[in-house]
Amino acid sequence: MKVALLIVLLAVSGCDGRSVVGQTGQNVTLPCEYKIKDHGAVHVCWGKGEIPSSGCNNQLISTNGHEVVTSVSSRYQLLGQLDQGDVSLTILNLTEEDAGRYGCRVQINGPFNDQKHHFDLRVERAPTTWAPSEPQTSSEGPAAAQTADQLTTESLLTSCSNSSSFTQEQQEGNMLTVVLVLVLFLLVVLLTAAGLFIMARRWKQLKLPPQQKQQLWQQVQFSSTSSTLQLQLHQRASAVENVYQIDGAADRGGDYEFCP
């Protein structure tokens, strides 16, 4: 009788323990199922540590077979199909504190019918995929500063060179302007001198008494250009010559027609 009772207790306790390994930052699933066709939807709970004689120790999450009833954290999820008896526990975003023993208790109706499943979870640190940047050594500091100084000096030299080139071009442009002004001034002087020279020659060729020359000089209007002045002098001289010829003819008693 005692041997039969011991066998029953061992079958009910189900002190099996499977080892599961997870990595920090990842998710891990601890499997637990029951035959819902045989037993129907039943109450299931998950706890951390050994499963006691009733209920779950340090209960984490529980279900009535249709939906989740209680949960101490959103990191604990029952993502399996509850209507098919899949009550596996999924722990999200593992940390090293999650390591330890977990138990799943399926409460089957009747005495000593509960199913118990234990899992030993070991959490390992996830491998690093990046290398930390090395701090800058003191020897690199002066080199970087020297490079920056060289770049600054080169920039200043380039700026000065550009400024000097611009100033030189500006000076050359100013010199060219001065030369052009001088050439124009000389041309004006030459044209004025030529006009005065022609006017003097015309004036000497006039054979008039001094009084008439003085009157003619007062009537002469200087133009802005030598060509206009020369034309006016020529017209005045022709008119005076015609008058002079008429006066001379009258003195000699000759017959002349005056042609304006």
C-alpha atoms as a PDB file:
ATOM      1  CA  MET A   1       0.000   0.000   0.000  1.00  0.00           C
ATOM      2  CA  LYS A   2       2.846   2.406   0.856  1.00  0.00           C
ATOM      3  CA  VAL A   3       4.681   1.538  -2.378  1.00  0.00           C
ATOM      4  CA  ALA A   4       1.581   2.309  -4.467  1.00  0.00           C
ATOM      5  CA  LEU A   5       1.084   5.653  -2.688  1.00  0.00           C
ATOM      6  CA  LEU A   6       4.736   6.637  -3.343  1.00  0.00           C
ATOM      7  CA  ILE A   7       4.349   5.838  -7.039  1.00  0.00           C
ATOM      8  CA  VAL A   8       1.219   8.025  -7.231  1.00  0.00           C
ATOM      9  CA  LEU A   9       2.941  10.921  -5.472  1.00  0.00           C
ATOM     10  CA  LEU A  10       5.900  10.774  -7.854  1.00  0.00           C
ATOM     11  CA  ALA A  11       3.557  10.778 -10.848  1.00  0.00           C
ATOM     12  CA  VAL A  12       1.635  13.790  -9.511  1.00  0.00           C
ATOM     13  CA  SER A  13       4.649  15.828  -8.478  1.00  0.00           C
ATOM     14  CA  GLY A  14       6.286  15.606 -11.930  1.00  0.00           C
ATOM     15  CA  CYS A  15       9.666  16.869 -10.716  1.00  0.00           C
ATOM     16  CA  ASP A  16      11.074  17.061 -14.209  1.00  0.00           C
ATOM     17  CA  GLY A  17      13.395  19.945 -15.000  1.00  0.00           C
ATOM     18  CA  ARG A  18      14.502  21.023 -18.460  1.00  0.00           C
ATOM     19  CA  SER A  19      17.309  23.488 -19.034  1.00  0.00           C
ATOM     20  CA  VAL A  20      16.662  26.494 -21.286  1.00  0.00           C
ATOM     21  CA  VAL A  21      19.284  29.053 -22.352  1.00  0.00           C
ATOM     22  CA  GLY A  22      18.490  32.630 -23.357  1.00  0.00           C
ATOM     23  CA  GLN A  23      20.431  35.830 -24.110  1.00  0.00           C
ATOM     24  CA  THR A  24      20.027  39.265 -22.621  1.00  0.00           C
ATOM     25  CA  GLY A  25      17.811  41.543 -24.662  1.00  0.00           C
ATOM     26  CA  GLN A  26      16.182  38.574 -26.474  1.00  0.00           C
ATOM     27  CA  ASN A  27      12.918  36.701 -25.881  1.00  0.00           C
ATOM     28  CA  VAL A  28      12.650  33.134 -24.597  1.00  0.00           C
ATOM     29  CA  THR A  29       9.717  30.685 -24.486  1.00  0.00           C
ATOM     30  CA  LEU A  30       9.214  27.978 -21.838  1.00  0.00           C
ATOM     31  CA  PRO A  31       6.914  25.288 -23.335  1.00  0.00           C
ATOM     32  CA  CYS A  32       3.877  23.941 -21.501  1.00  0.00           C
ATOM     33  CA  GLU A  33       0.829  22.140 -22.989  1.00  0.00           C
ATOM     34  CA  TYR A  34      -2.091  19.938 -21.941  1.00  0.00           C
ATOM     35  CA  LYS A  35      -4.746  17.920 -23.782  1.00  0.00           C
ATOM     36  CA  ILE A  36      -7.687  20.269 -23.866  1.00  0.00           C
ATOM     37  CA  LYS A  37      -9.823  17.708 -25.721  1.00  0.00           C
ATOM     38  CA  ASP A  38      -9.554  15.321 -22.807  1.00  0.00           C
ATOM     39  CA  HIS A  39      -9.779  17.757 -19.885  1.00  0.00           C
ATOM     40  CA  GLY A  40     -11.438  20.837 -21.373  1.00  0.00           C
ATOM     41  CA  ALA A  41     -10.267  24.384 -20.610  1.00  0.00           C
ATOM     42  CA  VAL A  42      -8.648  24.422 -17.174  1.00  0.00           C
ATOM     43  CA  HIS A  43      -6.846  26.906 -14.922  1.00  0.00           C
ATOM     44  CA  VAL A  44      -3.086  27.217 -15.490  1.00  0.00           C
ATOM     45  CA  CYS A  45      -0.531  29.319 -13.588  1.00  0.00           C
ATOM     46  CA  TRP A  46       3.171  30.103 -13.959  1.00  0.00           C
ATOM     47  CA  GLY A  47       5.450  30.881 -11.020  1.00  0.00           C
ATOM     48  CA  LYS A  48       9.105  31.377 -10.290  1.00  0.00           C
ATOM     49  CA  GLY A  49      10.678  28.715  -8.090  1.00  0.00           C
ATOM     50  CA  GLU A  50       9.454  25.273  -7.037  1.00  0.00           C
ATOM     51  CA  ILE A  51       5.787  24.502  -7.526  1.00  0.00           C
ATOM     52  CA  PRO A  52       4.097  24.108  -4.117  1.00  0.00           C
ATOM     53  CA  SER A  53       1.426  21.560  -3.164  1.00  0.00           C
ATOM     54  CA  SER A  54      -1.282  23.938  -4.366  1.00  0.00           C
ATOM     55  CA  GLY A  55      -1.260  26.947  -6.670  1.00  0.00           C
ATOM     56  CA  CYS A  56       1.967  28.575  -7.885  1.00  0.00           C
ATOM     57  CA  ASN A  57       4.813  30.048  -5.862  1.00  0.00           C
ATOM     58  CA  ASN A  58       5.627  33.687  -6.786  1.00  0.00           C
ATOM     59  CA  GLN A  59       2.879  33.608  -9.416  1.00  0.00           C
ATOM     60  CA  LEU A  60       3.750  35.518 -12.595  1.00  0.00           C
ATOM     61  CA  ILE A  61       0.758  34.923 -14.884  1.00  0.00           C
ATOM     62  CA  SER A  62      -2.390  32.761 -14.952  1.00  0.00           C
ATOM     63  CA  THR A  63      -5.226  31.830 -17.341  1.00  0.00           C
ATOM     64  CA  ASN A  64      -8.658  30.247 -17.056  1.00  0.00           C
ATOM     65  CA  GLY A  65      -8.066  28.340 -20.302  1.00  0.00           C
ATOM     66  CA  HIS A  66      -9.688  30.985 -22.478  1.00  0.00           C
ATOM     67  CA  GLU A  67      -7.816  34.209 -21.651  1.00  0.00           C
ATOM     68  CA  VAL A  68      -5.157  35.639 -19.348  1.00  0.00           C
ATOM     69  CA  VAL A  69      -6.575  36.376 -15.901  1.00  0.00           C
ATOM     70  CA  THR A  70      -3.617  37.833 -13.991  1.00  0.00           C
ATOM     71  CA  SER A  71      -0.123  39.064 -14.933  1.00  0.00           C
ATOM     72  CA  VAL A  72       2.458  40.886 -12.821  1.00  0.00           C
ATOM     73  CA  SER A  73       4.250  42.403 -15.851  1.00  0.00           C
ATOM     74  CA  SER A  74       3.736  42.902 -19.584  1.00  0.00           C
ATOM     75  CA  ARG A  75       7.048  41.084 -20.097  1.00  0.00           C
ATOM     76  CA  TYR A  76       5.285  37.807 -19.313  1.00  0.00           C
ATOM     77  CA  GLN A  77       3.027  36.665 -22.173  1.00  0.00           C
ATOM     78  CA  LEU A  78       1.013  33.564 -23.126  1.00  0.00           C
ATOM     79  CA  LEU A  79       1.413  33.788 -26.892  1.00  0.00           C
ATOM     80  CA  GLY A  80       0.335  30.229 -27.700  1.00  0.00           C
ATOM     81  CA  GLN A  81      -3.149  29.108 -28.773  1.00  0.00           C
ATOM     82  CA  LEU A  82      -5.033  28.751 -25.498  1.00  0.00           C
ATOM     83  CA  ASP A  83      -7.991  27.042 -27.185  1.00  0.00           C
ATOM     84  CA  GLN A  84      -5.648  24.203 -28.150  1.00  0.00           C
ATOM     85  CA  GLY A  85      -4.047  23.819 -24.722  1.00  0.00           C
ATOM     86  CA  ASP A  86      -0.823  25.733 -25.505  1.00  0.00           C
ATOM     87  CA  VAL A  87       0.018  27.694 -22.349  1.00  0.00           C
ATOM     88  CA  SER A  88       3.754  28.258 -23.014  1.00  0.00           C
ATOM     89  CA  LEU A  89       5.290  31.228 -21.196  1.00  0.00           C
ATOM     90  CA  THR A  90       7.209  33.840 -23.221  1.00  0.00           C
ATOM     91  CA  ILE A  91       9.507  36.235 -21.358  1.00  0.00           C
ATOM     92  CA  LEU A  92      10.292  39.405 -23.323  1.00  0.00           C
ATOM     93  CA  ASN A  93      13.593  41.321 -23.234  1.00  0.00           C
ATOM     94  CA  LEU A  94      15.540  38.989 -21.000  1.00  0.00           C
ATOM     95  CA  THR A  95      17.769  40.303 -18.223  1.00  0.00           C
ATOM     96  CA  GLU A  96      20.271  38.467 -16.058  1.00  0.00           C
ATOM     97  CA  GLU A  97      17.837  38.701 -13.114  1.00  0.00           C
ATOM     98  CA  ASP A  98      15.381  36.471 -15.017  1.00  0.00           C
ATOM     99  CA  ALA A  99      17.644  33.443 -14.595  1.00  0.00           C
ATOM    100  CA  GLY A 100      16.333  30.678 -12.269  1.00  0.00           C
ATOM    101  CA  ARG A 101      13.686  27.960 -11.988  1.00  0.00           C
ATOM    102  CA  TYR A 102      10.169  28.376 -13.373  1.00  0.00           C
ATOM    103  CA  GLY A 103       7.133  26.135 -12.904  1.00  0.00           C
ATOM    104  CA  CYS A 104       3.942  25.563 -14.902  1.00  0.00           C
ATOM    105  CA  ARG A 105       0.906  24.073 -13.033  1.00  0.00           C
ATOM    106  CA  VAL A 106      -2.038  22.711 -14.990  1.00  0.00           C
ATOM    107  CA  GLN A 107      -4.960  22.174 -12.599  1.00  0.00           C
ATOM    108  CA  ILE A 108      -6.787  19.062 -13.821  1.00  0.00           C
ATOM    109  CA  ASN A 109     -10.083  18.238 -12.077  1.00  0.00           C
ATOM    110  CA  GLY A 110      -9.847  15.467  -9.529  1.00  0.00           C
ATOM    111  CA  PRO A 111      -7.424  14.633  -6.721  1.00  0.00           C
ATOM    112  CA  PHE A 112      -3.756  14.369  -7.554  1.00  0.00           C
ATOM    113  CA  ASN A 113      -4.356  15.099 -11.279  1.00  0.00           C
ATOM    114  CA  ASP A 114      -2.434  18.392 -11.590  1.00  0.00           C
ATOM    115  CA  GLN A 115       0.388  18.513 -14.134  1.00  0.00           C
ATOM    116  CA  LYS A 116       3.633  20.189 -13.061  1.00  0.00           C
ATOM    117  CA  HIS A 117       6.524  21.191 -15.338  1.00  0.00           C
ATOM    118  CA  HIS A 118       9.787  22.784 -14.195  1.00  0.00           C
ATOM    119  CA  PHE A 119      12.341  24.722 -16.287  1.00  0.00           C
ATOM    120  CA  ASP A 120      15.801  25.977 -15.354  1.00  0.00           C
ATOM    121  CA  LEU A 121      16.490  29.190 -17.269  1.00  0.00           C
ATOM    122  CA  ARG A 122      20.089  30.311 -17.779  1.00  0.00           C
ATOM    123  CA  VAL A 123      20.625  33.795 -19.184  1.00  0.00           C
ATOM    124  CA  GLU A 124      23.827  34.643 -21.052  1.00  0.00           C
ATOM    125  CA  ARG A 125      25.070  38.030 -22.082  1.00  0.00           C
ATOM    126  CA  ALA A 126      24.506  38.760 -25.759  1.00  0.00           C
ATOM    127  CA  PRO A 127      27.758  39.172 -27.751  1.00  0.00           C
ATOM    128  CA  THR A 128      28.685  42.773 -28.551  1.00  0.00           C
ATOM    129  CA  THR A 129      28.674  43.635 -32.248  1.00  0.00           C
ATOM    130  CA  TRP A 130      30.457  46.970 -31.989  1.00  0.00           C
ATOM    131  CA  ALA A 131      33.783  48.145 -30.626  1.00  0.00           C
ATOM    132  CA  PRO A 132      33.952  51.257 -28.437  1.00  0.00           C
ATOM    133  CA  SER A 133      35.815  54.147 -29.964  1.00  0.00           C
ATOM    134  CA  GLU A 134      39.308  54.628 -28.647  1.00  0.00           C
ATOM    135  CA  PRO A 135      39.895  57.861 -26.753  1.00  0.00           C
ATOM    136  CA  GLN A 136      42.131  60.370 -28.471  1.00  0.00           C
ATOM    137  CA  THR A 137      45.657  60.264 -27.147  1.00  0.00           C
ATOM    138  CA  SER A 138      47.568  63.330 -26.095  1.00  0.00           C
ATOM    139  CA  SER A 139      50.029  62.891 -28.966  1.00  0.00           C
ATOM    140  CA  GLU A 140      47.244  63.318 -31.497  1.00  0.00           C
ATOM    141  CA  GLY A 141      46.071  66.560 -29.903  1.00  0.00           C
ATOM    142  CA  PRO A 142      49.100  68.709 -30.885  1.00  0.00           C
ATOM    143  CA  ALA A 143      49.145  67.148 -34.355  1.00  0.00           C
ATOM    144  CA  ALA A 144      45.486  68.053 -34.875  1.00  0.00           C
ATOM    145  CA  ALA A 145      46.093  71.559 -33.539  1.00  0.00           C
ATOM    146  CA  GLN A 146      49.134  71.953 -35.824  1.00  0.00           C
ATOM    147  CA  THR A 147      47.073  70.793 -38.806  1.00  0.00           C
ATOM    148  CA  ALA A 148      44.359  73.299 -37.928  1.00  0.00           C
ATOM    149  CA  ASP A 149      46.958  76.079 -37.667  1.00  0.00           C
ATOM    150  CA  GLN A 150      48.388  75.128 -41.065  1.00  0.00           C
ATOM    151  CA  LEU A 151      44.945  75.196 -42.635  1.00  0.00           C
ATOM    152  CA  THR A 152      44.245  78.591 -41.079  1.00  0.00           C
ATOM    153  CA  THR A 153      47.587  79.967 -42.313  1.00  0.00           C
ATOM    154  CA  GLU A 154      46.975  78.635 -45.823  1.00  0.00           C
ATOM    155  CA  SER A 155      43.516  80.174 -45.828  1.00  0.00           C
ATOM    156  CA  LEU A 156      44.938  83.546 -44.777  1.00  0.00           C
ATOM    157  CA  LEU A 157      47.642  83.384 -47.444  1.00  0.00           C
ATOM    158  CA  THR A 158      45.096  82.494 -50.106  1.00  0.00           C
ATOM    159  CA  SER A 159      42.859  85.350 -48.988  1.00  0.00           C
ATOM    160  CA  CYS A 160      45.769  87.813 -49.033  1.00  0.00           C
ATOM    161  CA  SER A 161      46.851  86.615 -52.480  1.00  0.00           C
ATOM    162  CA  ASN A 162      43.351  87.060 -53.858  1.00  0.00           C
ATOM    163  CA  SER A 163      43.103  90.514 -52.303  1.00  0.00           C
ATOM    164  CA  SER A 164      46.497  91.507 -53.759  1.00  0.00           C
ATOM    165  CA  SER A 165      45.485  90.283 -57.234  1.00  0.00           C
ATOM    166  CA  PHE A 166      42.229  92.237 -57.034  1.00  0.00           C
ATOM    167  CA  THR A 167      44.080  95.396 -55.940  1.00  0.00           C
ATOM    168  CA  GLN A 168      46.616  95.030 -58.769  1.00  0.00           C
ATOM    169  CA  GLU A 169      43.852  94.601 -61.351  1.00  0.00           C
ATOM    170  CA  GLN A 170      42.066  97.644 -59.960  1.00  0.00           C
ATOM    171  CA  GLN A 171      45.257  99.724 -60.208  1.00  0.00           C
ATOM    172  CA  GLU A 172      45.800  98.606 -63.812  1.00  0.00           C
ATOM    173  CA  GLY A 173      42.234  99.588 -64.647  1.00  0.00           C
ATOM    174  CA  ASN A 174      42.746 103.024 -63.078  1.00  0.00           C
ATOM    175  CA  MET A 175      45.972 103.553 -65.043  1.00  0.00           C
ATOM    176  CA  LEU A 176      44.206 102.639 -68.295  1.00  0.00           C
ATOM    177  CA  THR A 177      41.445 105.141 -67.517  1.00  0.00           C
ATOM    178  CA  VAL A 178      44.000 107.879 -66.860  1.00  0.00           C
ATOM    179  CA  VAL A 179      45.786 107.135 -70.145  1.00  0.00           C
ATOM    180  CA  LEU A 180      42.535 107.301 -72.110  1.00  0.00           C
ATOM    181  CA  VAL A 181      41.623 110.639 -70.486  1.00  0.00           C
ATOM    182  CA  LEU A 182      45.047 112.054 -71.366  1.00  0.00           C
ATOM    183  CA  VAL A 183      44.741 110.901 -74.983  1.00  0.00           C
ATOM    184  CA  LEU A 184      41.312 112.493 -75.295  1.00  0.00           C
ATOM    185  CA  PHE A 185      42.610 115.703 -73.739  1.00  0.00           C
ATOM    186  CA  LEU A 186      45.523 115.814 -76.207  1.00  0.00           C
ATOM    187  CA  LEU A 187      43.139 115.259 -79.118  1.00  0.00           C
ATOM    188  CA  VAL A 188      40.963 118.150 -77.956  1.00  0.00           C
ATOM    189  CA  VAL A 189      44.034 120.377 -77.570  1.00  0.00           C
ATOM    190  CA  LEU A 190      45.297 119.448 -81.043  1.00  0.00           C
ATOM    191  CA  LEU A 191      41.924 120.068 -82.643  1.00  0.00           C
ATOM    192  CA  THR A 192      41.595 123.406 -80.863  1.00  0.00           C
ATOM    193  CA  ALA A 193      45.107 124.446 -81.893  1.00  0.00           C
ATOM    194  CA  ALA A 194      44.431 123.431 -85.496  1.00  0.00           C
ATOM    195  CA  GLY A 195      41.236 125.447 -85.493  1.00  0.00           C
ATOM    196  CA  LEU A 196      42.996 128.487 -84.079  1.00  0.00           C
ATOM    197  CA  PHE A 197      45.793 128.124 -86.638  1.00  0.00           C
ATOM    198  CA  ILE A 198      43.344 127.978 -89.538  1.00  0.00           C
ATOM    199  CA  MET A 199      41.422 130.931 -88.140  1.00  0.00           C
ATOM    200  CA  ALA A 200      44.639 132.983 -87.864  1.00  0.00           C
ATOM    201  CA  ARG A 201      45.556 132.215 -91.435  1.00  0.00           C
ATOM    202  CA  ARG A 202      42.105 133.230 -92.657  1.00  0.00           C
ATOM    203  CA  TRP A 203      42.324 136.391 -90.612  1.00  0.00           C
ATOM    204  CA  LYS A 204      45.648 137.376 -92.139  1.00  0.00           C
ATOM    205  CA  GLN A 205      44.307 136.767 -95.647  1.00  0.00           C
ATOM    206  CA  LEU A 206      41.529 139.284 -95.126  1.00  0.00           C
ATOM    207  CA  LYS A 207      42.415 142.588 -96.815  1.00  0.00           C
ATOM    208  CA  LEU A 208      40.342 144.945 -94.722  1.00  0.00           C
ATOM    209  CA  PRO A 209      40.950 148.220 -93.041  1.00  0.00           C
ATOM    210  CA  PRO A 210      41.658 147.966 -89.312  1.00  0.00           C
ATOM    211  CA  GLN A 211      38.231 149.315 -88.320  1.00  0.00           C
ATOM    212  CA  GLN A 212      36.348 146.711 -90.365  1.00  0.00           C
ATOM    213  CA  LYS A 213      38.545 143.921 -88.976  1.00  0.00           C
ATOM    214  CA  GLN A 214      37.725 145.043 -85.471  1.00  0.00           C
ATOM    215  CA  GLN A 215      33.993 145.062 -86.249  1.00  0.00           C
ATOM    216  CA  LEU A 216      34.281 141.658 -87.868  1.00  0.00           C
ATOM    217  CA  TRP A 217      36.160 140.275 -84.847  1.00  0.00           C
ATOM    218  CA  GLN A 218      33.387 141.438 -82.547  1.00  0.00           C
ATOM    219  CA  GLN A 219      30.781 139.669 -84.689  1.00  0.00           C
ATOM    220  CA  VAL A 220      32.644 136.358 -84.774  1.00  0.00           C
ATOM    221  CA  GLN A 221      30.972 133.719 -82.548  1.00  0.00           C
ATOM    222  CA  PHE A 222      33.203 130.925 -81.415  1.00  0.00           C
ATOM    223  CA  SER A 223      31.620 127.492 -81.631  1.00  0.00           C
ATOM    224  CA  SER A 224      32.348 124.434 -79.529  1.00  0.00           C
ATOM    225  CA  THR A 225      34.217 122.788 -82.388  1.00  0.00           C
ATOM    226  CA  SER A 226      36.873 124.043 -84.787  1.00  0.00           C
ATOM    227  CA  SER A 227      34.897 122.985 -87.877  1.00  0.00           C
ATOM    228  CA  THR A 228      31.947 125.259 -87.022  1.00  0.00           C
ATOM    229  CA  LEU A 229      34.306 128.138 -86.219  1.00  0.00           C
ATOM    230  CA  GLN A 230      36.097 127.670 -89.541  1.00  0.00           C
ATOM    231  CA  LEU A 231      32.801 127.648 -91.436  1.00  0.00           C
ATOM    232  CA  GLN A 232      31.644 130.864 -89.796  1.00  0.00           C
ATOM    233  CA  LEU A 233      34.951 132.601 -90.530  1.00  0.00           C
ATOM    234  CA  HIS A 234      34.822 131.475 -94.156  1.00  0.00           C
ATOM    235  CA  GLN A 235      31.301 132.848 -94.593  1.00  0.00           C
ATOM    236  CA  ARG A 236      32.211 136.142 -92.959  1.00  0.00           C
ATOM    237  CA  ALA A 237      35.347 136.473 -95.108  1.00  0.00           C
ATOM    238  CA  SER A 238      33.408 135.783 -98.332  1.00  0.00           C
ATOM    239  CA  ALA A 239      30.795 138.392 -97.435  1.00  0.00           C
ATOM    240  CA  VAL A 240      33.437 140.987 -96.622  1.00  0.00           C
ATOM    241  CA  GLU A 241      35.294 140.268 -99.886  1.00  0.00           C
ATOM    242  CA  ASN A 242      32.105 140.770-101.858  1.00  0.00           C
ATOM    243  CA  VAL A 243      31.431 144.061-100.113  1.00  0.00           C
ATOM    244  CA  TYR A 244      35.056 145.108-100.646  1.00  0.00           C
ATOM    245  CA  GLN A 245      34.838 144.320-104.363  1.00  0.00           C
ATOM    246  CA  ILE A 246      31.622 146.297-104.699  1.00  0.00           C
ATOM    247  CA  ASP A 247      33.154 149.269-102.922  1.00  0.00           C
ATOM    248  CA  GLY A 248      36.236 149.114-105.159  1.00  0.00           C
ATOM    249  CA  ALA A 249      34.133 148.888-108.293  1.00  0.00           C
ATOM    250  CA  ALA A 250      32.115 151.906-107.271  1.00  0.00           C
ATOM    251  CA  ASP A 251      35.258 153.881-106.781  1.00  0.00           C
ATOM    252  CA  ARG A 252      36.482 152.932-110.277  1.00  0.00           C
ATOM    253  CA  GLY A 253      33.121 153.599-111.832  1.00  0.00           C
ATOM    254  CA  GLY A 254      32.710 150.018-113.022  1.00  0.00           C
ATOM    255  CA  ASP A 255      29.447 148.077-113.263  1.00  0.00           C
ATOM    256  CA  TYR A 256      29.207 145.019-110.928  1.00  0.00           C
ATOM    257  CA  GLU A 257      26.337 142.962-109.777  1.00  0.00           C
ATOM    258  CA  PHE A 258      26.126 142.095-106.153  1.00  0.00           C
ATOM    259  CA  CYS A 259      25.665 138.391-105.552  1.00  0.00           C
ATOM    260  CA  PRO A 260      24.724 137.518-102.037  1.00  0.00           C
END
